[in-house]
């Protein structure tokens, strides 16, 4: 049963991604460097965070996105 939750905050130039593997587990947050003309780091950061904690896309119960100002 999917239980992990992913949160994405990118309302500023540099943002963050947070992951909670299951209810009650601690939230792990990592920064997302600002994108430049050659690289958008968001997907790489999400992939690395999820792999490090054994979370597959099918494990996600919810994805929250900050819509910013």
N, C-alpha and C. Protein backbone atom coordinates (compact mmCIF):
# COMPACT_ATOMS: atom_id res chain seq x y z
N UNK A 1 0.85 -1.18 0.00
CA UNK A 1 0.00 0.00 0.00
C UNK A 1 0.89 1.25 0.00
N UNK A 2 0.63 2.20 -0.90
CA UNK A 2 1.44 3.42 -0.93
C UNK A 2 1.27 4.23 0.35
N UNK A 3 2.37 4.66 0.91
CA UNK A 3 2.33 5.44 2.14
C UNK A 3 3.23 6.65 2.12
N UNK A 4 4.19 6.71 1.22
CA UNK A 4 5.15 7.82 1.21
C UNK A 4 4.49 9.09 0.70
N UNK A 5 5.01 10.23 1.17
CA UNK A 5 4.52 11.53 0.71
C UNK A 5 5.72 12.38 0.31
N UNK A 6 5.58 13.08 -0.80
CA UNK A 6 6.62 13.94 -1.34
C UNK A 6 6.11 15.37 -1.37
N UNK A 7 6.94 16.32 -0.94
CA UNK A 7 6.57 17.73 -0.98
C UNK A 7 7.62 18.49 -1.77
N UNK A 8 7.17 19.40 -2.63
CA UNK A 8 8.06 20.17 -3.49
C UNK A 8 7.78 21.66 -3.25
N UNK A 9 8.81 22.41 -2.91
CA UNK A 9 8.69 23.85 -2.68
C UNK A 9 9.70 24.57 -3.58
N UNK A 10 9.19 25.30 -4.55
CA UNK A 10 10.07 26.00 -5.49
C UNK A 10 9.61 27.43 -5.75
N UNK A 11 9.05 28.08 -4.75
CA UNK A 11 8.54 29.43 -4.96
C UNK A 11 9.66 30.47 -5.05
N UNK A 12 10.88 30.09 -4.67
CA UNK A 12 12.04 30.98 -4.78
C UNK A 12 13.02 30.37 -5.79
N UNK A 13 14.12 31.06 -6.08
CA UNK A 13 15.10 30.53 -7.06
C UNK A 13 15.62 29.16 -6.66
N UNK A 14 15.94 29.00 -5.40
CA UNK A 14 16.34 27.69 -4.89
C UNK A 14 15.22 27.18 -4.00
N UNK A 15 14.93 25.92 -4.08
CA UNK A 15 13.82 25.37 -3.31
C UNK A 15 14.25 24.17 -2.50
N UNK A 16 13.27 23.32 -2.19
CA UNK A 16 13.56 22.11 -1.44
C UNK A 16 12.54 21.04 -1.78
N UNK A 17 12.93 19.82 -1.49
CA UNK A 17 12.06 18.66 -1.66
C UNK A 17 12.09 17.90 -0.33
N UNK A 18 10.92 17.47 0.13
CA UNK A 18 10.84 16.74 1.39
C UNK A 18 10.13 15.41 1.16
N UNK A 19 10.54 14.41 1.90
CA UNK A 19 9.98 13.07 1.76
C UNK A 19 9.68 12.50 3.14
N UNK A 20 8.49 11.94 3.30
CA UNK A 20 8.13 11.16 4.49
C UNK A 20 7.81 9.76 3.98
N UNK A 21 8.59 8.80 4.39
CA UNK A 21 8.49 7.43 3.86
C UNK A 21 7.19 6.75 4.28
N UNK A 22 6.72 7.02 5.50
CA UNK A 22 5.47 6.42 5.99
C UNK A 22 4.93 7.31 7.10
N UNK A 23 3.66 7.19 7.42
CA UNK A 23 3.09 8.00 8.50
C UNK A 23 3.88 7.82 9.79
N UNK A 24 4.17 8.93 10.44
CA UNK A 24 4.91 8.89 11.70
C UNK A 24 6.42 8.91 11.54
N UNK A 25 6.91 8.64 10.34
CA UNK A 25 8.35 8.66 10.09
C UNK A 25 8.84 10.11 10.02
N UNK A 26 10.11 10.34 10.30
CA UNK A 26 10.63 11.70 10.18
C UNK A 26 10.60 12.17 8.73
N UNK A 27 10.50 13.47 8.56
CA UNK A 27 10.54 14.07 7.23
C UNK A 27 11.99 14.38 6.90
N UNK A 28 12.42 13.99 5.71
CA UNK A 28 13.77 14.27 5.23
C UNK A 28 13.65 15.35 4.17
N UNK A 29 14.37 16.45 4.35
CA UNK A 29 14.31 17.57 3.42
C UNK A 29 15.68 17.82 2.82
N UNK A 30 15.73 18.04 1.50
CA UNK A 30 16.98 18.36 0.83
C UNK A 30 16.78 19.59 -0.06
N UNK A 31 17.82 20.39 -0.22
CA UNK A 31 17.70 21.57 -1.07
C UNK A 31 17.72 21.21 -2.55
N UNK A 32 17.08 22.05 -3.33
CA UNK A 32 17.14 21.95 -4.80
C UNK A 32 17.87 23.19 -5.28
N UNK A 33 19.06 23.02 -5.86
CA UNK A 33 19.79 24.18 -6.34
C UNK A 33 18.99 24.93 -7.41
N UNK A 34 19.25 26.22 -7.51
CA UNK A 34 18.59 27.01 -8.55
C UNK A 34 18.97 26.47 -9.92
N UNK A 35 18.00 26.46 -10.83
CA UNK A 35 18.25 26.03 -12.20
C UNK A 35 19.08 27.08 -12.92
N UNK A 36 19.81 26.63 -13.92
CA UNK A 36 20.57 27.56 -14.75
C UNK A 36 20.23 27.27 -16.22
N UNK A 37 20.94 27.87 -17.13
CA UNK A 37 20.64 27.70 -18.55
C UNK A 37 20.82 26.27 -19.04
N UNK A 38 21.62 25.48 -18.34
CA UNK A 38 21.93 24.12 -18.79
C UNK A 38 21.26 23.03 -17.97
N UNK A 39 20.88 23.31 -16.73
CA UNK A 39 20.40 22.25 -15.84
C UNK A 39 19.18 22.67 -15.05
N UNK A 40 18.25 21.76 -14.97
CA UNK A 40 17.12 21.88 -14.06
C UNK A 40 17.29 20.73 -13.09
N UNK A 41 17.56 21.02 -11.84
CA UNK A 41 17.98 20.01 -10.87
C UNK A 41 16.84 19.28 -10.17
N UNK A 42 15.62 19.72 -10.35
CA UNK A 42 14.49 19.19 -9.59
C UNK A 42 14.35 17.67 -9.71
N UNK A 43 14.26 17.16 -10.90
CA UNK A 43 14.01 15.72 -11.07
C UNK A 43 15.17 14.88 -10.54
N UNK A 44 16.39 15.36 -10.73
CA UNK A 44 17.56 14.62 -10.21
C UNK A 44 17.54 14.56 -8.69
N UNK A 45 17.15 15.65 -8.04
CA UNK A 45 17.09 15.68 -6.57
C UNK A 45 15.99 14.75 -6.07
N UNK A 46 14.82 14.78 -6.72
CA UNK A 46 13.74 13.88 -6.32
C UNK A 46 14.16 12.42 -6.49
N UNK A 47 14.77 12.11 -7.62
CA UNK A 47 15.21 10.74 -7.89
C UNK A 47 16.22 10.27 -6.84
N UNK A 48 17.20 11.11 -6.54
CA UNK A 48 18.23 10.74 -5.57
C UNK A 48 17.64 10.55 -4.17
N UNK A 49 16.75 11.44 -3.77
CA UNK A 49 16.12 11.35 -2.46
C UNK A 49 15.29 10.07 -2.34
N UNK A 50 14.47 9.80 -3.34
CA UNK A 50 13.62 8.61 -3.29
C UNK A 50 14.44 7.32 -3.33
N UNK A 51 15.44 7.27 -4.18
CA UNK A 51 16.30 6.08 -4.24
C UNK A 51 17.02 5.85 -2.90
N UNK A 52 17.50 6.92 -2.29
CA UNK A 52 18.22 6.79 -1.02
C UNK A 52 17.35 6.21 0.09
N UNK A 53 16.03 6.39 -0.04
CA UNK A 53 15.11 5.91 1.00
C UNK A 53 14.23 4.75 0.52
N UNK A 54 14.58 4.19 -0.64
CA UNK A 54 13.87 3.01 -1.14
C UNK A 54 12.43 3.27 -1.55
N UNK A 55 12.14 4.49 -1.99
CA UNK A 55 10.78 4.84 -2.38
C UNK A 55 10.66 4.84 -3.91
N UNK A 56 9.72 4.07 -4.41
CA UNK A 56 9.42 4.01 -5.85
C UNK A 56 8.21 4.90 -6.13
N UNK A 57 8.01 5.30 -7.38
CA UNK A 57 6.83 6.11 -7.70
C UNK A 57 5.52 5.49 -7.20
N UNK A 58 5.39 4.19 -7.32
CA UNK A 58 4.16 3.51 -6.89
C UNK A 58 3.97 3.56 -5.37
N UNK A 59 5.04 3.90 -4.63
CA UNK A 59 4.95 3.99 -3.17
C UNK A 59 4.38 5.32 -2.69
N UNK A 60 4.26 6.30 -3.58
CA UNK A 60 3.79 7.63 -3.19
C UNK A 60 2.29 7.66 -3.04
N UNK A 61 1.84 8.10 -1.89
CA UNK A 61 0.41 8.29 -1.63
C UNK A 61 -0.03 9.68 -2.07
N UNK A 62 0.88 10.65 -1.92
CA UNK A 62 0.54 12.03 -2.27
C UNK A 62 1.80 12.80 -2.64
N UNK A 63 1.60 13.80 -3.48
CA UNK A 63 2.64 14.76 -3.83
C UNK A 63 2.06 16.14 -3.60
N UNK A 64 2.71 16.92 -2.74
CA UNK A 64 2.27 18.29 -2.44
C UNK A 64 3.24 19.25 -3.10
N UNK A 65 2.67 20.30 -3.72
CA UNK A 65 3.47 21.28 -4.43
C UNK A 65 3.10 22.68 -3.93
N UNK A 66 4.11 23.45 -3.51
CA UNK A 66 3.88 24.83 -3.12
C UNK A 66 3.74 25.68 -4.38
N UNK A 67 2.66 26.45 -4.48
CA UNK A 67 2.38 27.23 -5.69
C UNK A 67 3.04 28.61 -5.66
N UNK A 68 3.59 28.99 -4.54
CA UNK A 68 4.35 30.23 -4.45
C UNK A 68 3.55 31.50 -4.64
N UNK A 69 4.29 32.60 -4.57
CA UNK A 69 3.63 33.90 -4.68
C UNK A 69 3.18 34.22 -6.09
